């Protein structure tokens, strides 16, 4: 988790769970009361389950890709900073950063 971001409030987490549950119940009831044979209702139910599973998987994948790109950016930033510090230091000399803290 991003150290600068605030965690979700308990109310928000409860709202998301309640919203998911309400949507699942409404879709399930809608499929159940359709004037179709049971095999058609089962097919629609399996489709809904697969859709939810695919949404969860896609969300996790997108988040993982975002987190990985943030890690790569932090590593590249650290390399750039290190390179800039090395360029600013004469060979065998002391950096101004070291001089500031050695006093």
PDB file of N, CA and C in Angstrom:
ATOM      1  N   UNK A   1       0.848  -1.178   0.000  1.00  0.00           N
ATOM      2  CA  UNK A   1       0.000   0.000   0.000  1.00  0.00           C
ATOM      3  C   UNK A   1       0.887   1.232   0.000  1.00  0.00           C
ATOM      4  N   UNK A   2       0.447   2.280  -0.627  1.00  0.00           N
ATOM      5  CA  UNK A   2       1.190   3.520  -0.694  1.00  0.00           C
ATOM      6  C   UNK A   2       1.305   4.112   0.705  1.00  0.00           C
ATOM      7  N   UNK A   3       2.541   4.405   1.172  1.00  0.00           N
ATOM      8  CA  UNK A   3       2.680   4.937   2.528  1.00  0.00           C
ATOM      9  C   UNK A   3       2.079   6.329   2.673  1.00  0.00           C
ATOM     10  N   UNK A   4       1.893   7.058   1.564  1.00  0.00           N
ATOM     11  CA  UNK A   4       1.336   8.401   1.635  1.00  0.00           C
ATOM     12  C   UNK A   4      -0.185   8.416   1.555  1.00  0.00           C
ATOM     13  N   UNK A   5      -0.802   7.298   1.187  1.00  0.00           N
ATOM     14  CA  UNK A   5      -2.254   7.270   1.066  1.00  0.00           C
ATOM     15  C   UNK A   5      -2.889   6.909   2.404  1.00  0.00           C
ATOM     16  N   UNK A   6      -4.110   7.385   2.584  1.00  0.00           N
ATOM     17  CA  UNK A   6      -4.828   7.094   3.815  1.00  0.00           C
ATOM     18  C   UNK A   6      -5.613   5.801   3.639  1.00  0.00           C
ATOM     19  N   UNK A   7      -5.717   4.993   4.690  1.00  0.00           N
ATOM     20  CA  UNK A   7      -6.500   3.752   4.572  1.00  0.00           C
ATOM     21  C   UNK A   7      -7.984   4.086   4.418  1.00  0.00           C
ATOM     22  N   UNK A   8      -8.712   3.153   3.833  1.00  0.00           N
ATOM     23  CA  UNK A   8     -10.149   3.350   3.655  1.00  0.00           C
ATOM     24  C   UNK A   8     -10.836   3.324   5.012  1.00  0.00           C
ATOM     25  N   UNK A   9     -11.864   4.158   5.145  1.00  0.00           N
ATOM     26  CA  UNK A   9     -12.614   4.189   6.401  1.00  0.00           C
ATOM     27  C   UNK A   9     -13.486   2.941   6.502  1.00  0.00           C
ATOM     28  N   UNK A  10     -13.873   2.628   7.715  1.00  0.00           N
ATOM     29  CA  UNK A  10     -14.738   1.479   7.946  1.00  0.00           C
ATOM     30  C   UNK A  10     -16.078   1.630   7.248  1.00  0.00           C
ATOM     31  N   UNK A  11     -16.581   2.865   7.191  1.00  0.00           N
ATOM     32  CA  UNK A  11     -17.862   3.111   6.522  1.00  0.00           C
ATOM     33  C   UNK A  11     -17.752   2.809   5.026  1.00  0.00           C
ATOM     34  N   UNK A  12     -16.639   3.203   4.413  1.00  0.00           N
ATOM     35  CA  UNK A  12     -16.460   2.952   2.980  1.00  0.00           C
ATOM     36  C   UNK A  12     -16.359   1.450   2.701  1.00  0.00           C
ATOM     37  N   UNK A  13     -15.608   0.740   3.518  1.00  0.00           N
ATOM     38  CA  UNK A  13     -15.466  -0.705   3.335  1.00  0.00           C
ATOM     39  C   UNK A  13     -16.823  -1.384   3.496  1.00  0.00           C
ATOM     40  N   UNK A  14     -17.584  -0.987   4.505  1.00  0.00           N
ATOM     41  CA  UNK A  14     -18.923  -1.557   4.706  1.00  0.00           C
ATOM     42  C   UNK A  14     -19.832  -1.255   3.520  1.00  0.00           C
ATOM     43  N   UNK A  15     -19.750  -0.041   2.999  1.00  0.00           N
ATOM     44  CA  UNK A  15     -20.560   0.341   1.842  1.00  0.00           C
ATOM     45  C   UNK A  15     -20.223  -0.509   0.626  1.00  0.00           C
ATOM     46  N   UNK A  16     -18.931  -0.755   0.387  1.00  0.00           N
ATOM     47  CA  UNK A  16     -18.553  -1.559  -0.781  1.00  0.00           C
ATOM     48  C   UNK A  16     -19.050  -2.995  -0.640  1.00  0.00           C
ATOM     49  N   UNK A  17     -18.945  -3.570   0.559  1.00  0.00           N
ATOM     50  CA  UNK A  17     -19.461  -4.927   0.772  1.00  0.00           C
ATOM     51  C   UNK A  17     -20.975  -4.966   0.590  1.00  0.00           C
ATOM     52  N   UNK A  18     -21.671  -3.991   1.154  1.00  0.00           N
ATOM     53  CA  UNK A  18     -23.131  -3.953   1.040  1.00  0.00           C
ATOM     54  C   UNK A  18     -23.558  -3.762  -0.415  1.00  0.00           C
ATOM     55  N   UNK A  19     -22.842  -2.923  -1.152  1.00  0.00           N
ATOM     56  CA  UNK A  19     -23.169  -2.707  -2.564  1.00  0.00           C
ATOM     57  C   UNK A  19     -22.984  -3.980  -3.370  1.00  0.00           C
ATOM     58  N   UNK A  20     -21.883  -4.685  -3.129  1.00  0.00           N
ATOM     59  CA  UNK A  20     -21.639  -5.935  -3.849  1.00  0.00           C
ATOM     60  C   UNK A  20     -22.718  -6.957  -3.523  1.00  0.00           C
ATOM     61  N   UNK A  21     -23.039  -7.085  -2.252  1.00  0.00           N
ATOM     62  CA  UNK A  21     -24.069  -8.042  -1.836  1.00  0.00           C
ATOM     63  C   UNK A  21     -25.425  -7.699  -2.454  1.00  0.00           C
ATOM     64  N   UNK A  22     -25.798  -6.417  -2.428  1.00  0.00           N
ATOM     65  CA  UNK A  22     -27.083  -6.001  -3.002  1.00  0.00           C
ATOM     66  C   UNK A  22     -27.126  -6.285  -4.503  1.00  0.00           C
ATOM     67  N   UNK A  23     -26.029  -5.991  -5.209  1.00  0.00           N
ATOM     68  CA  UNK A  23     -25.995  -6.251  -6.650  1.00  0.00           C
ATOM     69  C   UNK A  23     -26.105  -7.744  -6.934  1.00  0.00           C
ATOM     70  N   UNK A  24     -25.403  -8.562  -6.160  1.00  0.00           N
ATOM     71  CA  UNK A  24     -25.455 -10.012  -6.366  1.00  0.00           C
ATOM     72  C   UNK A  24     -26.860 -10.548  -6.113  1.00  0.00           C
ATOM     73  N   UNK A  25     -27.510 -10.071  -5.057  1.00  0.00           N
ATOM     74  CA  UNK A  25     -28.871 -10.527  -4.742  1.00  0.00           C
ATOM     75  C   UNK A  25     -29.842 -10.101  -5.842  1.00  0.00           C
ATOM     76  N   UNK A  26     -29.725  -8.863  -6.302  1.00  0.00           N
ATOM     77  CA  UNK A  26     -30.647  -8.386  -7.337  1.00  0.00           C
ATOM     78  C   UNK A  26     -30.460  -9.134  -8.654  1.00  0.00           C
ATOM     79  N   UNK A  27     -29.218  -9.375  -9.057  1.00  0.00           N
ATOM     80  CA  UNK A  27     -28.982 -10.124 -10.298  1.00  0.00           C
ATOM     81  C   UNK A  27     -29.461 -11.562 -10.134  1.00  0.00           C
ATOM     82  N   UNK A  28     -29.162 -12.168  -8.982  1.00  0.00           N
ATOM     83  CA  UNK A  28     -29.618 -13.541  -8.739  1.00  0.00           C
ATOM     84  C   UNK A  28     -31.132 -13.651  -8.771  1.00  0.00           C
ATOM     85  N   UNK A  29     -31.819 -12.708  -8.127  1.00  0.00           N
ATOM     86  CA  UNK A  29     -33.287 -12.726  -8.130  1.00  0.00           C
ATOM     87  C   UNK A  29     -33.826 -12.478  -9.535  1.00  0.00           C
ATOM     88  N   UNK A  30     -33.172 -11.582 -10.257  1.00  0.00           N
ATOM     89  CA  UNK A  30     -33.604 -11.311 -11.629  1.00  0.00           C
ATOM     90  C   UNK A  30     -33.493 -12.542 -12.507  1.00  0.00           C
ATOM     91  N   UNK A  31     -32.391 -13.265 -12.379  1.00  0.00           N
ATOM     92  CA  UNK A  31     -32.225 -14.495 -13.163  1.00  0.00           C
ATOM     93  C   UNK A  31     -33.221 -15.557 -12.707  1.00  0.00           C
ATOM     94  N   UNK A  32     -33.403 -15.673 -11.403  1.00  0.00           N
ATOM     95  CA  UNK A  32     -34.305 -16.699 -10.859  1.00  0.00           C
ATOM     96  C   UNK A  32     -35.741 -16.515 -11.348  1.00  0.00           C
ATOM     97  N   UNK A  33     -36.198 -15.269 -11.431  1.00  0.00           N
ATOM     98  CA  UNK A  33     -37.587 -15.011 -11.800  1.00  0.00           C
ATOM     99  C   UNK A  33     -37.791 -14.778 -13.294  1.00  0.00           C
ATOM    100  N   UNK A  34     -36.757 -14.966 -14.096  1.00  0.00           N
ATOM    101  CA  UNK A  34     -36.936 -14.878 -15.547  1.00  0.00           C
ATOM    102  C   UNK A  34     -37.829 -16.026 -16.023  1.00  0.00           C
ATOM    103  N   UNK A  35     -38.660 -15.770 -17.015  1.00  0.00           N
ATOM    104  CA  UNK A  35     -39.512 -16.856 -17.532  1.00  0.00           C
ATOM    105  C   UNK A  35     -38.734 -17.746 -18.519  1.00  0.00           C
ATOM    106  N   UNK A  36     -37.716 -18.428 -17.995  1.00  0.00           N
ATOM    107  CA  UNK A  36     -36.873 -19.301 -18.810  1.00  0.00           C
ATOM    108  C   UNK A  36     -36.782 -20.673 -18.167  1.00  0.00           C
ATOM    109  N   UNK A  37     -36.304 -21.638 -18.944  1.00  0.00           N
ATOM    110  CA  UNK A  37     -36.032 -22.965 -18.396  1.00  0.00           C
ATOM    111  C   UNK A  37     -34.835 -22.883 -17.450  1.00  0.00           C
ATOM    112  N   UNK A  38     -34.702 -23.922 -16.601  1.00  0.00           N
ATOM    113  CA  UNK A  38     -33.626 -23.932 -15.607  1.00  0.00           C
ATOM    114  C   UNK A  38     -32.244 -23.955 -16.238  1.00  0.00           C
ATOM    115  N   UNK A  39     -32.108 -24.628 -17.402  1.00  0.00           N
ATOM    116  CA  UNK A  39     -30.790 -24.677 -18.032  1.00  0.00           C
ATOM    117  C   UNK A  39     -30.362 -23.284 -18.488  1.00  0.00           C
ATOM    118  N   UNK A  40     -31.305 -22.467 -18.956  1.00  0.00           N
ATOM    119  CA  UNK A  40     -30.981 -21.105 -19.392  1.00  0.00           C
ATOM    120  C   UNK A  40     -30.632 -20.229 -18.186  1.00  0.00           C
ATOM    121  N   UNK A  41     -31.376 -20.410 -17.102  1.00  0.00           N
ATOM    122  CA  UNK A  41     -31.069 -19.657 -15.879  1.00  0.00           C
ATOM    123  C   UNK A  41     -29.691 -20.045 -15.344  1.00  0.00           C
ATOM    124  N   UNK A  42     -29.386 -21.340 -15.387  1.00  0.00           N
ATOM    125  CA  UNK A  42     -28.067 -21.804 -14.946  1.00  0.00           C
ATOM    126  C   UNK A  42     -26.951 -21.236 -15.798  1.00  0.00           C
ATOM    127  N   UNK A  43     -27.192 -21.166 -17.103  1.00  0.00           N
ATOM    128  CA  UNK A  43     -26.198 -20.603 -18.014  1.00  0.00           C
ATOM    129  C   UNK A  43     -25.949 -19.131 -17.689  1.00  0.00           C
ATOM    130  N   UNK A  44     -27.012 -18.372 -17.475  1.00  0.00           N
ATOM    131  CA  UNK A  44     -26.864 -16.958 -17.114  1.00  0.00           C
ATOM    132  C   UNK A  44     -26.164 -16.811 -15.760  1.00  0.00           C
ATOM    133  N   UNK A  45     -26.505 -17.672 -14.811  1.00  0.00           N
ATOM    134  CA  UNK A  45     -25.850 -17.634 -13.498  1.00  0.00           C
ATOM    135  C   UNK A  45     -24.358 -17.907 -13.598  1.00  0.00           C
ATOM    136  N   UNK A  46     -23.988 -18.910 -14.397  1.00  0.00           N
ATOM    137  CA  UNK A  46     -22.557 -19.193 -14.588  1.00  0.00           C
ATOM    138  C   UNK A  46     -21.855 -18.015 -15.254  1.00  0.00           C
ATOM    139  N   UNK A  47     -22.544 -17.377 -16.191  1.00  0.00           N
ATOM    140  CA  UNK A  47     -21.968 -16.204 -16.849  1.00  0.00           C
ATOM    141  C   UNK A  47     -21.711 -15.072 -15.867  1.00  0.00           C
ATOM    142  N   UNK A  48     -22.648 -14.851 -14.950  1.00  0.00           N
ATOM    143  CA  UNK A  48     -22.479 -13.801 -13.937  1.00  0.00           C
ATOM    144  C   UNK A  48     -21.305 -14.134 -13.018  1.00  0.00           C
ATOM    145  N   UNK A  49     -21.212 -15.386 -12.585  1.00  0.00           N
ATOM    146  CA  UNK A  49     -20.102 -15.797 -11.711  1.00  0.00           C
ATOM    147  C   UNK A  49     -18.767 -15.607 -12.426  1.00  0.00           C
ATOM    148  N   UNK A  50     -18.699 -16.004 -13.692  1.00  0.00           N
ATOM    149  CA  UNK A  50     -17.460 -15.837 -14.463  1.00  0.00           C
ATOM    150  C   UNK A  50     -17.125 -14.356 -14.652  1.00  0.00           C
ATOM    151  N   UNK A  51     -18.149 -13.526 -14.857  1.00  0.00           N
ATOM    152  CA  UNK A  51     -17.927 -12.093 -15.023  1.00  0.00           C
ATOM    153  C   UNK A  51     -17.349 -11.479 -13.750  1.00  0.00           C
ATOM    154  N   UNK A  52     -17.903 -11.837 -12.605  1.00  0.00           N
ATOM    155  CA  UNK A  52     -17.394 -11.319 -11.326  1.00  0.00           C
ATOM    156  C   UNK A  52     -15.961 -11.789 -11.101  1.00  0.00           C
ATOM    157  N   UNK A  53     -15.694 -13.065 -11.356  1.00  0.00           N
ATOM    158  CA  UNK A  53     -14.338 -13.601 -11.186  1.00  0.00           C
ATOM    159  C   UNK A  53     -13.362 -12.892 -12.114  1.00  0.00           C
ATOM    160  N   UNK A  54     -13.767 -12.629 -13.349  1.00  0.00           N
ATOM    161  CA  UNK A  54     -12.900 -11.934 -14.298  1.00  0.00           C
ATOM    162  C   UNK A  54     -12.641 -10.496 -13.862  1.00  0.00           C
ATOM    163  N   UNK A  55     -13.652  -9.837 -13.315  1.00  0.00           N
ATOM    164  CA  UNK A  55     -13.469  -8.460 -12.822  1.00  0.00           C
ATOM    165  C   UNK A  55     -12.477  -8.417 -11.669  1.00  0.00           C
ATOM    166  N   UNK A  56     -12.582  -9.361 -10.752  1.00  0.00           N
ATOM    167  CA  UNK A  56     -11.648  -9.417  -9.620  1.00  0.00           C
ATOM    168  C   UNK A  56     -10.232  -9.674 -10.122  1.00  0.00           C
ATOM    169  N   UNK A  57     -10.075 -10.617 -11.043  1.00  0.00           N
ATOM    170  CA  UNK A  57      -8.757 -10.941 -11.579  1.00  0.00           C
ATOM    171  C   UNK A  57      -8.165  -9.761 -12.335  1.00  0.00           C
ATOM    172  N   UNK A  58      -8.976  -9.098 -13.152  1.00  0.00           N
ATOM    173  CA  UNK A  58      -8.488  -7.953 -13.911  1.00  0.00           C
ATOM    174  C   UNK A  58      -8.091  -6.811 -12.975  1.00  0.00           C
ATOM    175  N   UNK A  59      -8.889  -6.563 -11.956  1.00  0.00           N
ATOM    176  CA  UNK A  59      -8.569  -5.506 -10.996  1.00  0.00           C
ATOM    177  C   UNK A  59      -7.249  -5.792 -10.296  1.00  0.00           C
ATOM    178  N   UNK A  60      -7.038  -7.025  -9.873  1.00  0.00           N
ATOM    179  CA  UNK A  60      -5.794  -7.393  -9.214  1.00  0.00           C
ATOM    180  C   UNK A  60      -4.614  -7.243 -10.165  1.00  0.00           C
ATOM    181  N   UNK A  61      -4.778  -7.651 -11.416  1.00  0.00           N
ATOM    182  CA  UNK A  61      -3.697  -7.556 -12.392  1.00  0.00           C
ATOM    183  C   UNK A  61      -3.328  -6.105 -12.665  1.00  0.00           C
ATOM    184  N   UNK A  62      -4.332  -5.250 -12.842  1.00  0.00           N
ATOM    185  CA  UNK A  62      -4.063  -3.829 -13.094  1.00  0.00           C
ATOM    186  C   UNK A  62      -3.365  -3.206 -11.891  1.00  0.00           C
ATOM    187  N   UNK A  63      -3.806  -3.543 -10.699  1.00  0.00           N
ATOM    188  CA  UNK A  63      -3.166  -2.994  -9.500  1.00  0.00           C
ATOM    189  C   UNK A  63      -1.726  -3.488  -9.369  1.00  0.00           C
ATOM    190  N   UNK A  64      -1.498  -4.779  -9.629  1.00  0.00           N
ATOM    191  CA  UNK A  64      -0.142  -5.321  -9.566  1.00  0.00           C
ATOM    192  C   UNK A  64       0.772  -4.641 -10.581  1.00  0.00           C
ATOM    193  N   UNK A  65       0.260  -4.397 -11.792  1.00  0.00           N
ATOM    194  CA  UNK A  65       1.069  -3.715 -12.805  1.00  0.00           C
ATOM    195  C   UNK A  65       1.397  -2.298 -12.367  1.00  0.00           C
ATOM    196  N   UNK A  66       0.433  -1.610 -11.769  1.00  0.00           N
ATOM    197  CA  UNK A  66       0.662  -0.246 -11.282  1.00  0.00           C
ATOM    198  C   UNK A  66       1.698  -0.236 -10.158  1.00  0.00           C
ATOM    199  N   UNK A  67       1.560  -1.153  -9.212  1.00  0.00           N
ATOM    200  CA  UNK A  67       2.524  -1.235  -8.112  1.00  0.00           C
ATOM    201  C   UNK A  67       3.920  -1.560  -8.630  1.00  0.00           C
ATOM    202  N   UNK A  68       4.021  -2.454  -9.615  1.00  0.00           N
ATOM    203  CA  UNK A  68       5.323  -2.811 -10.184  1.00  0.00           C
ATOM    204  C   UNK A  68       5.942  -1.616 -10.888  1.00  0.00           C
ATOM    205  N   UNK A  69       5.143  -0.839 -11.606  1.00  0.00           N
ATOM    206  CA  UNK A  69       5.695   0.332 -12.288  1.00  0.00           C
ATOM    207  C   UNK A  69       6.152   1.376 -11.280  1.00  0.00           C
ATOM    208  N   UNK A  70       5.460   1.497 -10.156  1.00  0.00           N
ATOM    209  CA  UNK A  70       5.894   2.438  -9.120  1.00  0.00           C
ATOM    210  C   UNK A  70       7.223   1.998  -8.534  1.00  0.00           C
ATOM    211  N   UNK A  71       7.404   0.680  -8.323  1.00  0.00           N
ATOM    212  CA  UNK A  71       8.661   0.168  -7.795  1.00  0.00           C
ATOM    213  C   UNK A  71       9.787   0.418  -8.782  1.00  0.00           C
ATOM    214  N   UNK A  72       9.537   0.163 -10.064  1.00  0.00           N
ATOM    215  CA  UNK A  72      10.560   0.408 -11.085  1.00  0.00           C
ATOM    216  C   UNK A  72      10.917   1.884 -11.118  1.00  0.00           C
ATOM    217  N   UNK A  73       9.929   2.765 -11.025  1.00  0.00           N
ATOM    218  CA  UNK A  73      10.202   4.201 -11.028  1.00  0.00           C
ATOM    219  C   UNK A  73      11.029   4.602  -9.815  1.00  0.00           C
ATOM    220  N   UNK A  74      10.738   4.033  -8.641  1.00  0.00           N
ATOM    221  CA  UNK A  74      11.531   4.362  -7.449  1.00  0.00           C
ATOM    222  C   UNK A  74      12.962   3.883  -7.605  1.00  0.00           C
ATOM    223  N   UNK A  75      13.153   2.701  -8.188  1.00  0.00           N
ATOM    224  CA  UNK A  75      14.506   2.183  -8.400  1.00  0.00           C
ATOM    225  C   UNK A  75      15.249   3.076  -9.380  1.00  0.00           C
ATOM    226  N   UNK A  76      14.593   3.476 -10.478  1.00  0.00           N
ATOM    227  CA  UNK A  76      15.238   4.347 -11.453  1.00  0.00           C
ATOM    228  C   UNK A  76      15.547   5.710 -10.849  1.00  0.00           C
ATOM    229  N   UNK A  77      14.657   6.240 -10.017  1.00  0.00           N
ATOM    230  CA  UNK A  77      14.928   7.514  -9.349  1.00  0.00           C
ATOM    231  C   UNK A  77      16.138   7.402  -8.432  1.00  0.00           C
ATOM    232  N   UNK A  78      16.247   6.297  -7.701  1.00  0.00           N
ATOM    233  CA  UNK A  78      17.400   6.099  -6.814  1.00  0.00           C
ATOM    234  C   UNK A  78      18.684   5.989  -7.625  1.00  0.00           C
ATOM    235  N   UNK A  79      18.651   5.294  -8.749  1.00  0.00           N
ATOM    236  CA  UNK A  79      19.838   5.194  -9.612  1.00  0.00           C
ATOM    237  C   UNK A  79      20.234   6.557 -10.148  1.00  0.00           C
ATOM    238  N   UNK A  80      19.251   7.336 -10.582  1.00  0.00           N
ATOM    239  CA  UNK A  80      19.534   8.672 -11.109  1.00  0.00           C
ATOM    240  C   UNK A  80      20.136   9.553 -10.031  1.00  0.00           C
ATOM    241  N   UNK A  81      19.573   9.503  -8.833  1.00  0.00           N
ATOM    242  CA  UNK A  81      20.102  10.313  -7.737  1.00  0.00           C
ATOM    243  C   UNK A  81      21.528   9.899  -7.404  1.00  0.00           C
ATOM    244  N   UNK A  82      21.774   8.612  -7.382  1.00  0.00           N
ATOM    245  CA  UNK A  82      23.130   8.120  -7.097  1.00  0.00           C
ATOM    246  C   UNK A  82      24.100   8.566  -8.184  1.00  0.00           C
ATOM    247  N   UNK A  83      23.678   8.496  -9.447  1.00  0.00           N
ATOM    248  CA  UNK A  83      24.523   8.932 -10.555  1.00  0.00           C
ATOM    249  C   UNK A  83      24.828  10.418 -10.447  1.00  0.00           C
ATOM    250  N   UNK A  84      23.824  11.213 -10.123  1.00  0.00           N
ATOM    251  CA  UNK A  84      24.042  12.652  -9.980  1.00  0.00           C
ATOM    252  C   UNK A  84      24.978  12.959  -8.818  1.00  0.00           C
ATOM    253  N   UNK A  85      24.865  12.217  -7.730  1.00  0.00           N
ATOM    254  CA  UNK A  85      25.769  12.434  -6.597  1.00  0.00           C
ATOM    255  C   UNK A  85      27.194  12.046  -6.973  1.00  0.00           C
ATOM    256  N   UNK A  86      27.347  10.952  -7.743  1.00  0.00           N
ATOM    257  CA  UNK A  86      28.681  10.527  -8.166  1.00  0.00           C
ATOM    258  C   UNK A  86      29.297  11.516  -9.138  1.00  0.00           C
ATOM    259  N   UNK A  87      28.499  12.111 -10.016  1.00  0.00           N
ATOM    260  CA  UNK A  87      29.011  13.094 -10.975  1.00  0.00           C
ATOM    261  C   UNK A  87      29.453  14.352 -10.244  1.00  0.00           C
ATOM    262  N   UNK A  88      28.755  14.728  -9.203  1.00  0.00           N
ATOM    263  CA  UNK A  88      29.084  15.933  -8.457  1.00  0.00           C
ATOM    264  C   UNK A  88      30.295  15.783  -7.559  1.00  0.00           C
ATOM    265  N   UNK A  89      30.750  14.571  -7.317  1.00  0.00           N
ATOM    266  CA  UNK A  89      31.901  14.339  -6.441  1.00  0.00           C
ATOM    267  C   UNK A  89      33.166  14.193  -7.275  1.00  0.00           C
ATOM    268  N   UNK A  90      34.227  14.929  -6.943  1.00  0.00           N
ATOM    269  CA  UNK A  90      35.494  14.715  -7.642  1.00  0.00           C
ATOM    270  C   UNK A  90      36.085  13.375  -7.216  1.00  0.00           C
ATOM    271  N   UNK A  91      36.846  12.720  -8.096  1.00  0.00           N
ATOM    272  CA  UNK A  91      37.439  11.430  -7.731  1.00  0.00           C
ATOM    273  C   UNK A  91      38.358  11.571  -6.525  1.00  0.00           C
ATOM    274  N   UNK A  92      38.148  10.743  -5.533  1.00  0.00           N
ATOM    275  CA  UNK A  92      38.978  10.771  -4.336  1.00  0.00           C
ATOM    276  C   UNK A  92      38.651  11.906  -3.389  1.00  0.00           C
ATOM    277  N   UNK A  93      37.739  12.773  -3.755  1.00  0.00           N
ATOM    278  CA  UNK A  93      37.394  13.910  -2.903  1.00  0.00           C
ATOM    279  C   UNK A  93      36.191  13.601  -2.049  1.00  0.00           C
ATOM    280  N   UNK A  94      35.815  14.569  -1.236  1.00  0.00           N
ATOM    281  CA  UNK A  94      34.645  14.426  -0.377  1.00  0.00           C
ATOM    282  C   UNK A  94      33.497  15.191  -0.999  1.00  0.00           C
ATOM    283  N   UNK A  95      32.328  14.668  -0.856  1.00  0.00           N
ATOM    284  CA  UNK A  95      31.160  15.383  -1.367  1.00  0.00           C
ATOM    285  C   UNK A  95      30.736  16.433  -0.363  1.00  0.00           C
ATOM    286  N   UNK A  96      30.021  17.423  -0.863  1.00  0.00           N
ATOM    287  CA  UNK A  96      29.514  18.453   0.040  1.00  0.00           C
ATOM    288  C   UNK A  96      28.516  17.846   1.020  1.00  0.00           C
ATOM    289  N   UNK A  97      27.837  16.777   0.614  1.00  0.00           N
ATOM    290  CA  UNK A  97      26.895  16.091   1.500  1.00  0.00           C
ATOM    291  C   UNK A  97      27.643  15.504   2.696  1.00  0.00           C
ATOM    292  N   UNK A  98      28.778  14.883   2.443  1.00  0.00           N
ATOM    293  CA  UNK A  98      29.563  14.311   3.531  1.00  0.00           C
ATOM    294  C   UNK A  98      30.153  15.416   4.396  1.00  0.00           C
ATOM    295  N   UNK A  99      30.598  16.506   3.780  1.00  0.00           N
ATOM    296  CA  UNK A  99      31.176  17.608   4.547  1.00  0.00           C
ATOM    297  C   UNK A  99      30.147  18.237   5.474  1.00  0.00           C
ATOM    298  N   UNK A 100      28.920  18.352   5.027  1.00  0.00           N
ATOM    299  CA  UNK A 100      27.886  18.961   5.851  1.00  0.00           C
ATOM    300  C   UNK A 100      27.632  18.172   7.121  1.00  0.00           C
ATOM    301  N   UNK A 101      27.679  16.866   7.030  1.00  0.00           N
ATOM    302  CA  UNK A 101      27.336  16.041   8.179  1.00  0.00           C
ATOM    303  C   UNK A 101      28.549  15.596   8.986  1.00  0.00           C
ATOM    304  N   UNK A 102      29.741  15.881   8.529  1.00  0.00           N
ATOM    305  CA  UNK A 102      30.922  15.476   9.287  1.00  0.00           C
ATOM    306  C   UNK A 102      31.344  16.540  10.286  1.00  0.00           C
ATOM    307  N   UNK A 103      30.762  17.705  10.212  1.00  0.00           N
ATOM    308  CA  UNK A 103      31.132  18.786  11.132  1.00  0.00           C
ATOM    309  C   UNK A 103      30.490  18.637  12.467  1.00  0.00           C
TER     310      UNK A 103
END
